[in-house]
Amino acid sequence: MKKELLIFAFVLLFIPLVFSIQIETDSELNLGETLVVKFSGNFYEPILENDVYFYRNIYTAVPLEFELLKIEGNYYISASTLTKTPGNYSLIIKNSEYSVKN
């Protein structure tokens, strides 16, 4: 019984690691630096600029001019932080579905 419970717990912890999108970016930016985010995954539909949203302190939507590129299966977002207030920002991609390769 303990062995089955351990396997079940391992599977629950391991699944989020397998079914996730890889995201690469700098952990901290200074005012005026360019934000560059690379994310990859096997998306069913292409990601569109209308699907990308930025939030400050989790709840406040902020307008941010950015460029979305797809290069060799990876998506890149580039945006200037010149006029933004310092703080914690979130990037949300809505209406996207992906699967794990292989």
PDB file of N, CA and C in Angstrom:
ATOM      1  N   MET A   1       0.817  -1.197   0.000  1.00  0.00           N
ATOM      2  CA  MET A   1       0.000   0.000   0.000  1.00  0.00           C
ATOM      3  C   MET A   1       0.869   1.274   0.000  1.00  0.00           C
ATOM      4  N   LYS A   2       1.947   1.265   0.804  1.00  0.00           N
ATOM      5  CA  LYS A   2       2.831   2.433   0.858  1.00  0.00           C
ATOM      6  C   LYS A   2       3.508   2.671  -0.490  1.00  0.00           C
ATOM      7  N   LYS A   3       3.901   1.601  -1.153  1.00  0.00           N
ATOM      8  CA  LYS A   3       4.582   1.713  -2.430  1.00  0.00           C
ATOM      9  C   LYS A   3       3.656   2.357  -3.470  1.00  0.00           C
ATOM     10  N   GLU A   4       2.397   1.946  -3.483  1.00  0.00           N
ATOM     11  CA  GLU A   4       1.424   2.518  -4.420  1.00  0.00           C
ATOM     12  C   GLU A   4       1.195   3.997  -4.134  1.00  0.00           C
ATOM     13  N   LEU A   5       1.142   4.346  -2.880  1.00  0.00           N
ATOM     14  CA  LEU A   5       0.958   5.749  -2.497  1.00  0.00           C
ATOM     15  C   LEU A   5       2.161   6.592  -2.906  1.00  0.00           C
ATOM     16  N   LEU A   6       3.363   6.054  -2.742  1.00  0.00           N
ATOM     17  CA  LEU A   6       4.573   6.759  -3.158  1.00  0.00           C
ATOM     18  C   LEU A   6       4.610   6.958  -4.673  1.00  0.00           C
ATOM     19  N   ILE A   7       4.244   5.945  -5.426  1.00  0.00           N
ATOM     20  CA  ILE A   7       4.216   6.054  -6.892  1.00  0.00           C
ATOM     21  C   ILE A   7       3.181   7.090  -7.309  1.00  0.00           C
ATOM     22  N   PHE A   8       2.016   7.068  -6.689  1.00  0.00           N
ATOM     23  CA  PHE A   8       0.968   8.047  -7.001  1.00  0.00           C
ATOM     24  C   PHE A   8       1.445   9.465  -6.708  1.00  0.00           C
ATOM     25  N   ALA A   9       2.096   9.690  -5.574  1.00  0.00           N
ATOM     26  CA  ALA A   9       2.612  11.011  -5.225  1.00  0.00           C
ATOM     27  C   ALA A   9       3.687  11.450  -6.214  1.00  0.00           C
ATOM     28  N   PHE A  10       4.558  10.545  -6.610  1.00  0.00           N
ATOM     29  CA  PHE A  10       5.606  10.869  -7.578  1.00  0.00           C
ATOM     30  C   PHE A  10       4.994  11.294  -8.910  1.00  0.00           C
ATOM     31  N   VAL A  11       3.987  10.562  -9.372  1.00  0.00           N
ATOM     32  CA  VAL A  11       3.329  10.888 -10.643  1.00  0.00           C
ATOM     33  C   VAL A  11       2.680  12.269 -10.558  1.00  0.00           C
ATOM     34  N   LEU A  12       2.018  12.567  -9.458  1.00  0.00           N
ATOM     35  CA  LEU A  12       1.391  13.886  -9.295  1.00  0.00           C
ATOM     36  C   LEU A  12       2.413  15.015  -9.311  1.00  0.00           C
ATOM     37  N   LEU A  13       3.575  14.772  -8.749  1.00  0.00           N
ATOM     38  CA  LEU A  13       4.620  15.791  -8.735  1.00  0.00           C
ATOM     39  C   LEU A  13       5.339  15.886 -10.071  1.00  0.00           C
ATOM     40  N   PHE A  14       5.450  14.780 -10.792  1.00  0.00           N
ATOM     41  CA  PHE A  14       6.214  14.742 -12.034  1.00  0.00           C
ATOM     42  C   PHE A  14       5.425  15.276 -13.227  1.00  0.00           C
ATOM     43  N   ILE A  15       4.121  15.054 -13.268  1.00  0.00           N
ATOM     44  CA  ILE A  15       3.302  15.459 -14.420  1.00  0.00           C
ATOM     45  C   ILE A  15       3.412  16.949 -14.725  1.00  0.00           C
ATOM     46  N   PRO A  16       3.345  17.862 -13.762  1.00  0.00           N
ATOM     47  CA  PRO A  16       3.479  19.277 -14.120  1.00  0.00           C
ATOM     48  C   PRO A  16       4.815  19.616 -14.767  1.00  0.00           C
ATOM     49  N   LEU A  17       5.865  18.877 -14.458  1.00  0.00           N
ATOM     50  CA  LEU A  17       7.160  19.137 -15.078  1.00  0.00           C
ATOM     51  C   LEU A  17       7.179  18.695 -16.535  1.00  0.00           C
ATOM     52  N   VAL A  18       6.471  17.625 -16.846  1.00  0.00           N
ATOM     53  CA  VAL A  18       6.451  17.103 -18.204  1.00  0.00           C
ATOM     54  C   VAL A  18       5.538  17.932 -19.094  1.00  0.00           C
ATOM     55  N   PHE A  19       4.390  18.314 -18.590  1.00  0.00           N
ATOM     56  CA  PHE A  19       3.395  19.025 -19.368  1.00  0.00           C
ATOM     57  C   PHE A  19       3.484  20.527 -19.134  1.00  0.00           C
ATOM     58  N   SER A  20       4.622  21.086 -19.422  1.00  0.00           N
ATOM     59  CA  SER A  20       4.782  22.521 -19.221  1.00  0.00           C
ATOM     60  C   SER A  20       5.492  23.141 -20.416  1.00  0.00           C
ATOM     61  N   ILE A  21       5.413  24.440 -20.487  1.00  0.00           N
ATOM     62  CA  ILE A  21       6.092  25.204 -21.528  1.00  0.00           C
ATOM     63  C   ILE A  21       7.415  25.676 -20.945  1.00  0.00           C
ATOM     64  N   GLN A  22       8.467  25.608 -21.714  1.00  0.00           N
ATOM     65  CA  GLN A  22       9.751  26.119 -21.252  1.00  0.00           C
ATOM     66  C   GLN A  22       9.792  27.621 -21.496  1.00  0.00           C
ATOM     67  N   ILE A  23      10.171  28.359 -20.461  1.00  0.00           N
ATOM     68  CA  ILE A  23      10.252  29.818 -20.557  1.00  0.00           C
ATOM     69  C   ILE A  23      11.637  30.253 -20.109  1.00  0.00           C
ATOM     70  N   GLU A  24      12.272  31.110 -20.922  1.00  0.00           N
ATOM     71  CA  GLU A  24      13.591  31.639 -20.587  1.00  0.00           C
ATOM     72  C   GLU A  24      13.546  33.160 -20.649  1.00  0.00           C
ATOM     73  N   THR A  25      14.035  33.806 -19.599  1.00  0.00           N
ATOM     74  CA  THR A  25      14.120  35.261 -19.556  1.00  0.00           C
ATOM     75  C   THR A  25      15.060  35.660 -18.424  1.00  0.00           C
ATOM     76  N   ASP A  26      15.442  36.924 -18.404  1.00  0.00           N
ATOM     77  CA  ASP A  26      16.236  37.427 -17.283  1.00  0.00           C
ATOM     78  C   ASP A  26      15.348  37.500 -16.053  1.00  0.00           C
ATOM     79  N   SER A  27      15.884  37.193 -14.903  1.00  0.00           N
ATOM     80  CA  SER A  27      15.084  37.230 -13.681  1.00  0.00           C
ATOM     81  C   SER A  27      14.847  38.664 -13.202  1.00  0.00           C
ATOM     82  N   GLU A  28      15.688  39.587 -13.643  1.00  0.00           N
ATOM     83  CA  GLU A  28      15.552  40.977 -13.212  1.00  0.00           C
ATOM     84  C   GLU A  28      15.979  41.903 -14.345  1.00  0.00           C
ATOM     85  N   LEU A  29      15.243  42.993 -14.507  1.00  0.00           N
ATOM     86  CA  LEU A  29      15.559  43.996 -15.521  1.00  0.00           C
ATOM     87  C   LEU A  29      15.686  45.362 -14.869  1.00  0.00           C
ATOM     88  N   ASN A  30      16.547  46.178 -15.412  1.00  0.00           N
ATOM     89  CA  ASN A  30      16.642  47.571 -14.977  1.00  0.00           C
ATOM     90  C   ASN A  30      15.772  48.425 -15.888  1.00  0.00           C
ATOM     91  N   LEU A  31      15.363  49.580 -15.404  1.00  0.00           N
ATOM     92  CA  LEU A  31      14.529  50.488 -16.171  1.00  0.00           C
ATOM     93  C   LEU A  31      15.210  50.832 -17.485  1.00  0.00           C
ATOM     94  N   GLY A  32      14.476  50.695 -18.582  1.00  0.00           N
ATOM     95  CA  GLY A  32      15.007  51.025 -19.890  1.00  0.00           C
ATOM     96  C   GLY A  32      15.568  49.846 -20.650  1.00  0.00           C
ATOM     97  N   GLU A  33      15.806  48.725 -19.977  1.00  0.00           N
ATOM     98  CA  GLU A  33      16.300  47.543 -20.674  1.00  0.00           C
ATOM     99  C   GLU A  33      15.175  46.893 -21.472  1.00  0.00           C
ATOM    100  N   THR A  34      15.555  46.150 -22.477  1.00  0.00           N
ATOM    101  CA  THR A  34      14.572  45.453 -23.296  1.00  0.00           C
ATOM    102  C   THR A  34      14.268  44.093 -22.691  1.00  0.00           C
ATOM    103  N   LEU A  35      12.984  43.832 -22.506  1.00  0.00           N
ATOM    104  CA  LEU A  35      12.530  42.536 -22.028  1.00  0.00           C
ATOM    105  C   LEU A  35      12.535  41.567 -23.197  1.00  0.00           C
ATOM    106  N   VAL A  36      13.182  40.430 -23.033  1.00  0.00           N
ATOM    107  CA  VAL A  36      13.171  39.383 -24.050  1.00  0.00           C
ATOM    108  C   VAL A  36      12.766  38.091 -23.353  1.00  0.00           C
ATOM    109  N   VAL A  37      11.695  37.482 -23.854  1.00  0.00           N
ATOM    110  CA  VAL A  37      11.193  36.230 -23.302  1.00  0.00           C
ATOM    111  C   VAL A  37      11.159  35.202 -24.421  1.00  0.00           C
ATOM    112  N   LYS A  38      11.732  34.038 -24.153  1.00  0.00           N
ATOM    113  CA  LYS A  38      11.692  32.925 -25.114  1.00  0.00           C
ATOM    114  C   LYS A  38      10.851  31.830 -24.483  1.00  0.00           C
ATOM    115  N   PHE A  39       9.862  31.345 -25.214  1.00  0.00           N
ATOM    116  CA  PHE A  39       9.107  30.215 -24.714  1.00  0.00           C
ATOM    117  C   PHE A  39       8.867  29.220 -25.839  1.00  0.00           C
ATOM    118  N   SER A  40       8.892  27.964 -25.449  1.00  0.00           N
ATOM    119  CA  SER A  40       8.766  26.906 -26.445  1.00  0.00           C
ATOM    120  C   SER A  40       7.858  25.812 -25.924  1.00  0.00           C
ATOM    121  N   GLY A  41       7.234  25.161 -26.843  1.00  0.00           N
ATOM    122  CA  GLY A  41       6.319  24.065 -26.570  1.00  0.00           C
ATOM    123  C   GLY A  41       5.696  23.665 -27.888  1.00  0.00           C
ATOM    124  N   ASN A  42       4.998  22.594 -27.906  1.00  0.00           N
ATOM    125  CA  ASN A  42       4.345  22.135 -29.119  1.00  0.00           C
ATOM    126  C   ASN A  42       2.903  22.653 -29.096  1.00  0.00           C
ATOM    127  N   PHE A  43       2.670  23.829 -29.668  1.00  0.00           N
ATOM    128  CA  PHE A  43       1.370  24.474 -29.639  1.00  0.00           C
ATOM    129  C   PHE A  43       0.503  23.969 -30.791  1.00  0.00           C
ATOM    130  N   TYR A  44      -0.777  23.727 -30.502  1.00  0.00           N
ATOM    131  CA  TYR A  44      -1.713  23.274 -31.534  1.00  0.00           C
ATOM    132  C   TYR A  44      -2.004  24.381 -32.537  1.00  0.00           C
ATOM    133  N   GLU A  45      -2.154  25.587 -32.058  1.00  0.00           N
ATOM    134  CA  GLU A  45      -2.438  26.750 -32.893  1.00  0.00           C
ATOM    135  C   GLU A  45      -1.335  27.776 -32.659  1.00  0.00           C
ATOM    136  N   PRO A  46      -0.998  28.569 -33.671  1.00  0.00           N
ATOM    137  CA  PRO A  46       0.004  29.618 -33.456  1.00  0.00           C
ATOM    138  C   PRO A  46      -0.473  30.625 -32.410  1.00  0.00           C
ATOM    139  N   ILE A  47       0.453  31.142 -31.650  1.00  0.00           N
ATOM    140  CA  ILE A  47       0.129  32.177 -30.667  1.00  0.00           C
ATOM    141  C   ILE A  47       0.067  33.513 -31.396  1.00  0.00           C
ATOM    142  N   LEU A  48      -0.965  34.264 -31.106  1.00  0.00           N
ATOM    143  CA  LEU A  48      -1.167  35.568 -31.741  1.00  0.00           C
ATOM    144  C   LEU A  48      -0.911  36.681 -30.746  1.00  0.00           C
ATOM    145  N   GLU A  49      -0.600  37.869 -31.241  1.00  0.00           N
ATOM    146  CA  GLU A  49      -0.355  39.008 -30.350  1.00  0.00           C
ATOM    147  C   GLU A  49      -1.578  39.319 -29.493  1.00  0.00           C
ATOM    148  N   ASN A  50      -2.778  39.045 -29.996  1.00  0.00           N
ATOM    149  CA  ASN A  50      -4.003  39.291 -29.226  1.00  0.00           C
ATOM    150  C   ASN A  50      -4.135  38.361 -28.027  1.00  0.00           C
ATOM    151  N   ASP A  51      -3.349  37.294 -27.980  1.00  0.00           N
ATOM    152  CA  ASP A  51      -3.406  36.325 -26.888  1.00  0.00           C
ATOM    153  C   ASP A  51      -2.423  36.638 -25.761  1.00  0.00           C
ATOM    154  N   VAL A  52      -1.586  37.660 -25.936  1.00  0.00           N
ATOM    155  CA  VAL A  52      -0.533  37.977 -24.961  1.00  0.00           C
ATOM    156  C   VAL A  52      -0.955  39.189 -24.130  1.00  0.00           C
ATOM    157  N   TYR A  53      -0.893  39.038 -22.796  1.00  0.00           N
ATOM    158  CA  TYR A  53      -1.290  40.093 -21.878  1.00  0.00           C
ATOM    159  C   TYR A  53      -0.209  40.280 -20.817  1.00  0.00           C
ATOM    160  N   PHE A  54      -0.056  41.506 -20.371  1.00  0.00           N
ATOM    161  CA  PHE A  54       0.895  41.833 -19.310  1.00  0.00           C
ATOM    162  C   PHE A  54       0.131  42.391 -18.114  1.00  0.00           C
ATOM    163  N   TYR A  55       0.546  41.974 -16.920  1.00  0.00           N
ATOM    164  CA  TYR A  55      -0.079  42.437 -15.689  1.00  0.00           C
ATOM    165  C   TYR A  55       1.006  42.886 -14.719  1.00  0.00           C
ATOM    166  N   ARG A  56       0.682  43.918 -13.933  1.00  0.00           N
ATOM    167  CA  ARG A  56       1.575  44.371 -12.865  1.00  0.00           C
ATOM    168  C   ARG A  56       0.934  43.975 -11.546  1.00  0.00           C
ATOM    169  N   ASN A  57       1.727  43.405 -10.657  1.00  0.00           N
ATOM    170  CA  ASN A  57       1.252  42.956  -9.348  1.00  0.00           C
ATOM    171  C   ASN A  57       0.041  42.038  -9.474  1.00  0.00           C
ATOM    172  N   ILE A  58       0.052  41.188 -10.426  1.00  0.00           N
ATOM    173  CA  ILE A  58      -0.897  40.104 -10.694  1.00  0.00           C
ATOM    174  C   ILE A  58      -2.245  40.583 -11.235  1.00  0.00           C
ATOM    175  N   TYR A  59      -2.831  41.668 -10.716  1.00  0.00           N
ATOM    176  CA  TYR A  59      -4.204  42.011 -11.044  1.00  0.00           C
ATOM    177  C   TYR A  59      -4.373  43.192 -11.998  1.00  0.00           C
ATOM    178  N   THR A  60      -3.361  44.008 -12.180  1.00  0.00           N
ATOM    179  CA  THR A  60      -3.509  45.234 -12.950  1.00  0.00           C
ATOM    180  C   THR A  60      -2.992  45.020 -14.374  1.00  0.00           C
ATOM    181  N   ALA A  61      -3.903  45.027 -15.325  1.00  0.00           N
ATOM    182  CA  ALA A  61      -3.496  44.893 -16.730  1.00  0.00           C
ATOM    183  C   ALA A  61      -2.763  46.160 -17.155  1.00  0.00           C
ATOM    184  N   VAL A  62      -1.650  45.996 -17.852  1.00  0.00           N
ATOM    185  CA  VAL A  62      -0.880  47.149 -18.316  1.00  0.00           C
ATOM    186  C   VAL A  62      -0.661  47.043 -19.817  1.00  0.00           C
ATOM    187  N   PRO A  63      -0.838  48.166 -20.520  1.00  0.00           N
ATOM    188  CA  PRO A  63      -0.529  48.142 -21.948  1.00  0.00           C
ATOM    189  C   PRO A  63       0.984  48.133 -22.143  1.00  0.00           C
ATOM    190  N   LEU A  64       1.449  47.332 -23.041  1.00  0.00           N
ATOM    191  CA  LEU A  64       2.875  47.239 -23.310  1.00  0.00           C
ATOM    192  C   LEU A  64       3.045  46.912 -24.787  1.00  0.00           C
ATOM    193  N   GLU A  65       3.740  47.784 -25.488  1.00  0.00           N
ATOM    194  CA  GLU A  65       4.013  47.503 -26.896  1.00  0.00           C
ATOM    195  C   GLU A  65       5.113  46.451 -26.961  1.00  0.00           C
ATOM    196  N   PHE A  66       4.852  45.415 -27.724  1.00  0.00           N
ATOM    197  CA  PHE A  66       5.804  44.316 -27.821  1.00  0.00           C
ATOM    198  C   PHE A  66       5.785  43.745 -29.226  1.00  0.00           C
ATOM    199  N   GLU A  67       6.778  42.934 -29.498  1.00  0.00           N
ATOM    200  CA  GLU A  67       6.868  42.240 -30.767  1.00  0.00           C
ATOM    201  C   GLU A  67       6.900  40.744 -30.471  1.00  0.00           C
ATOM    202  N   LEU A  68       6.080  39.990 -31.188  1.00  0.00           N
ATOM    203  CA  LEU A  68       6.022  38.544 -31.037  1.00  0.00           C
ATOM    204  C   LEU A  68       6.566  37.907 -32.301  1.00  0.00           C
ATOM    205  N   LEU A  69       7.595  37.084 -32.152  1.00  0.00           N
ATOM    206  CA  LEU A  69       8.219  36.412 -33.293  1.00  0.00           C
ATOM    207  C   LEU A  69       8.232  34.909 -33.055  1.00  0.00           C
ATOM    208  N   LYS A  70       8.164  34.147 -34.153  1.00  0.00           N
ATOM    209  CA  LYS A  70       8.348  32.706 -34.071  1.00  0.00           C
ATOM    210  C   LYS A  70       9.554  32.358 -34.926  1.00  0.00           C
ATOM    211  N   ILE A  71      10.581  31.796 -34.285  1.00  0.00           N
ATOM    212  CA  ILE A  71      11.821  31.440 -34.968  1.00  0.00           C
ATOM    213  C   ILE A  71      12.153  29.992 -34.619  1.00  0.00           C
ATOM    214  N   GLU A  72      12.224  29.160 -35.636  1.00  0.00           N
ATOM    215  CA  GLU A  72      12.572  27.742 -35.484  1.00  0.00           C
ATOM    216  C   GLU A  72      11.748  27.051 -34.398  1.00  0.00           C
ATOM    217  N   GLY A  73      10.452  27.285 -34.374  1.00  0.00           N
ATOM    218  CA  GLY A  73       9.562  26.619 -33.430  1.00  0.00           C
ATOM    219  C   GLY A  73       9.502  27.252 -32.056  1.00  0.00           C
ATOM    220  N   ASN A  74      10.318  28.251 -31.781  1.00  0.00           N
ATOM    221  CA  ASN A  74      10.292  28.950 -30.496  1.00  0.00           C
ATOM    222  C   ASN A  74       9.655  30.320 -30.682  1.00  0.00           C
ATOM    223  N   TYR A  75       8.940  30.768 -29.665  1.00  0.00           N
ATOM    224  CA  TYR A  75       8.344  32.102 -29.689  1.00  0.00           C
ATOM    225  C   TYR A  75       9.207  33.049 -28.864  1.00  0.00           C
ATOM    226  N   TYR A  76       9.314  34.282 -29.342  1.00  0.00           N
ATOM    227  CA  TYR A  76      10.076  35.319 -28.650  1.00  0.00           C
ATOM    228  C   TYR A  76       9.197  36.557 -28.509  1.00  0.00           C
ATOM    229  N   ILE A  77       9.217  37.145 -27.331  1.00  0.00           N
ATOM    230  CA  ILE A  77       8.547  38.415 -27.096  1.00  0.00           C
ATOM    231  C   ILE A  77       9.611  39.413 -26.717  1.00  0.00           C
ATOM    232  N   SER A  78       9.582  40.557 -27.365  1.00  0.00           N
ATOM    233  CA  SER A  78      10.529  41.629 -27.097  1.00  0.00           C
ATOM    234  C   SER A  78       9.732  42.891 -26.795  1.00  0.00           C
ATOM    235  N   ALA A  79      10.056  43.559 -25.682  1.00  0.00           N
ATOM    236  CA  ALA A  79       9.330  44.766 -25.288  1.00  0.00           C
ATOM    237  C   ALA A  79      10.257  45.702 -24.533  1.00  0.00           C
ATOM    238  N   SER A  80      10.024  46.995 -24.671  1.00  0.00           N
ATOM    239  CA  SER A  80      10.798  48.001 -23.960  1.00  0.00           C
ATOM    240  C   SER A  80      10.181  48.267 -22.596  1.00  0.00           C
ATOM    241  N   THR A  81      11.016  48.449 -21.586  1.00  0.00           N
ATOM    242  CA  THR A  81      10.529  48.751 -20.237  1.00  0.00           C
ATOM    243  C   THR A  81      10.761  50.217 -19.880  1.00  0.00           C
ATOM    244  N   LEU A  82      11.079  51.026 -20.862  1.00  0.00           N
ATOM    245  CA  LEU A  82      11.482  52.411 -20.627  1.00  0.00           C
ATOM    246  C   LEU A  82      10.453  53.220 -19.845  1.00  0.00           C
ATOM    247  N   THR A  83       9.188  53.102 -20.159  1.00  0.00           N
ATOM    248  CA  THR A  83       8.172  53.944 -19.513  1.00  0.00           C
ATOM    249  C   THR A  83       7.398  53.216 -18.423  1.00  0.00           C
ATOM    250  N   LYS A  84       7.826  52.047 -18.003  1.00  0.00           N
ATOM    251  CA  LYS A  84       7.069  51.261 -17.030  1.00  0.00           C
ATOM    252  C   LYS A  84       7.531  51.525 -15.601  1.00  0.00           C
ATOM    253  N   THR A  85       6.575  51.457 -14.704  1.00  0.00           N
ATOM    254  CA  THR A  85       6.835  51.603 -13.279  1.00  0.00           C
ATOM    255  C   THR A  85       7.529  50.346 -12.773  1.00  0.00           C
ATOM    256  N   PRO A  86       8.572  50.482 -11.961  1.00  0.00           N
ATOM    257  CA  PRO A  86       9.226  49.289 -11.408  1.00  0.00           C
ATOM    258  C   PRO A  86       8.235  48.450 -10.590  1.00  0.00           C
ATOM    259  N   GLY A  87       8.384  47.153 -10.637  1.00  0.00           N
ATOM    260  CA  GLY A  87       7.507  46.257  -9.889  1.00  0.00           C
ATOM    261  C   GLY A  87       7.554  44.866 -10.474  1.00  0.00           C
ATOM    262  N   ASN A  88       6.664  44.027 -10.002  1.00  0.00           N
ATOM    263  CA  ASN A  88       6.560  42.659 -10.491  1.00  0.00           C
ATOM    264  C   ASN A  88       5.527  42.605 -11.610  1.00  0.00           C
ATOM    265  N   TYR A  89       5.914  42.022 -12.729  1.00  0.00           N
ATOM    266  CA  TYR A  89       5.041  41.914 -13.889  1.00  0.00           C
ATOM    267  C   TYR A  89       4.837  40.447 -14.241  1.00  0.00           C
ATOM    268  N   SER A  90       3.667  40.160 -14.793  1.00  0.00           N
ATOM    269  CA  SER A  90       3.341  38.811 -15.241  1.00  0.00           C
ATOM    270  C   SER A  90       3.010  38.853 -16.717  1.00  0.00           C
ATOM    271  N   LEU A  91       3.350  37.785 -17.398  1.00  0.00           N
ATOM    272  CA  LEU A  91       3.027  37.598 -18.804  1.00  0.00           C
ATOM    273  C   LEU A  91       2.042  36.446 -18.877  1.00  0.00           C
ATOM    274  N   ILE A  92       0.883  36.698 -19.476  1.00  0.00           N
ATOM    275  CA  ILE A  92      -0.157  35.684 -19.592  1.00  0.00           C
ATOM    276  C   ILE A  92      -0.430  35.440 -21.071  1.00  0.00           C
ATOM    277  N   ILE A  93      -0.470  34.175 -21.458  1.00  0.00           N
ATOM    278  CA  ILE A  93      -0.835  33.801 -22.824  1.00  0.00           C
ATOM    279  C   ILE A  93      -2.174  33.083 -22.733  1.00  0.00           C
ATOM    280  N   LYS A  94      -3.196  33.714 -23.292  1.00  0.00           N
ATOM    281  CA  LYS A  94      -4.540  33.142 -23.229  1.00  0.00           C
ATOM    282  C   LYS A  94      -4.848  32.400 -24.520  1.00  0.00           C
ATOM    283  N   ASN A  95      -5.829  31.526 -24.439  1.00  0.00           N
ATOM    284  CA  ASN A  95      -6.334  30.790 -25.592  1.00  0.00           C
ATOM    285  C   ASN A  95      -5.265  29.969 -26.299  1.00  0.00           C
ATOM    286  N   SER A  96      -4.372  29.377 -25.558  1.00  0.00           N
ATOM    287  CA  SER A  96      -3.325  28.558 -26.187  1.00  0.00           C
ATOM    288  C   SER A  96      -3.422  27.130 -25.652  1.00  0.00           C
ATOM    289  N   GLU A  97      -3.177  26.198 -26.529  1.00  0.00           N
ATOM    290  CA  GLU A  97      -3.139  24.780 -26.157  1.00  0.00           C
ATOM    291  C   GLU A  97      -1.856  24.194 -26.713  1.00  0.00           C
ATOM    292  N   TYR A  98      -1.239  23.317 -25.944  1.00  0.00           N
ATOM    293  CA  TYR A  98       0.011  22.714 -26.369  1.00  0.00           C
ATOM    294  C   TYR A  98       0.051  21.259 -25.948  1.00  0.00           C
ATOM    295  N   SER A  99       0.958  20.526 -26.527  1.00  0.00           N
ATOM    296  CA  SER A  99       1.172  19.141 -26.147  1.00  0.00           C
ATOM    297  C   SER A  99       2.672  18.898 -25.991  1.00  0.00           C
ATOM    298  N   VAL A 100       2.992  17.817 -25.357  1.00  0.00           N
ATOM    299  CA  VAL A 100       4.377  17.453 -25.155  1.00  0.00           C
ATOM    300  C   VAL A 100       4.858  16.729 -26.401  1.00  0.00           C
ATOM    301  N   LYS A 101       6.040  17.106 -26.896  1.00  0.00           N
ATOM    302  CA  LYS A 101       6.612  16.432 -28.063  1.00  0.00           C
ATOM    303  C   LYS A 101       7.051  15.033 -27.678  1.00  0.00           C
ATOM    304  N   ASN A 102       6.803  14.085 -28.612  1.00  0.00           N
ATOM    305  CA  ASN A 102       7.182  12.679 -28.407  1.00  0.00           C
ATOM    306  C   ASN A 102       6.596  12.140 -27.105  1.00  0.00           C
TER     307      ASN A 102
END
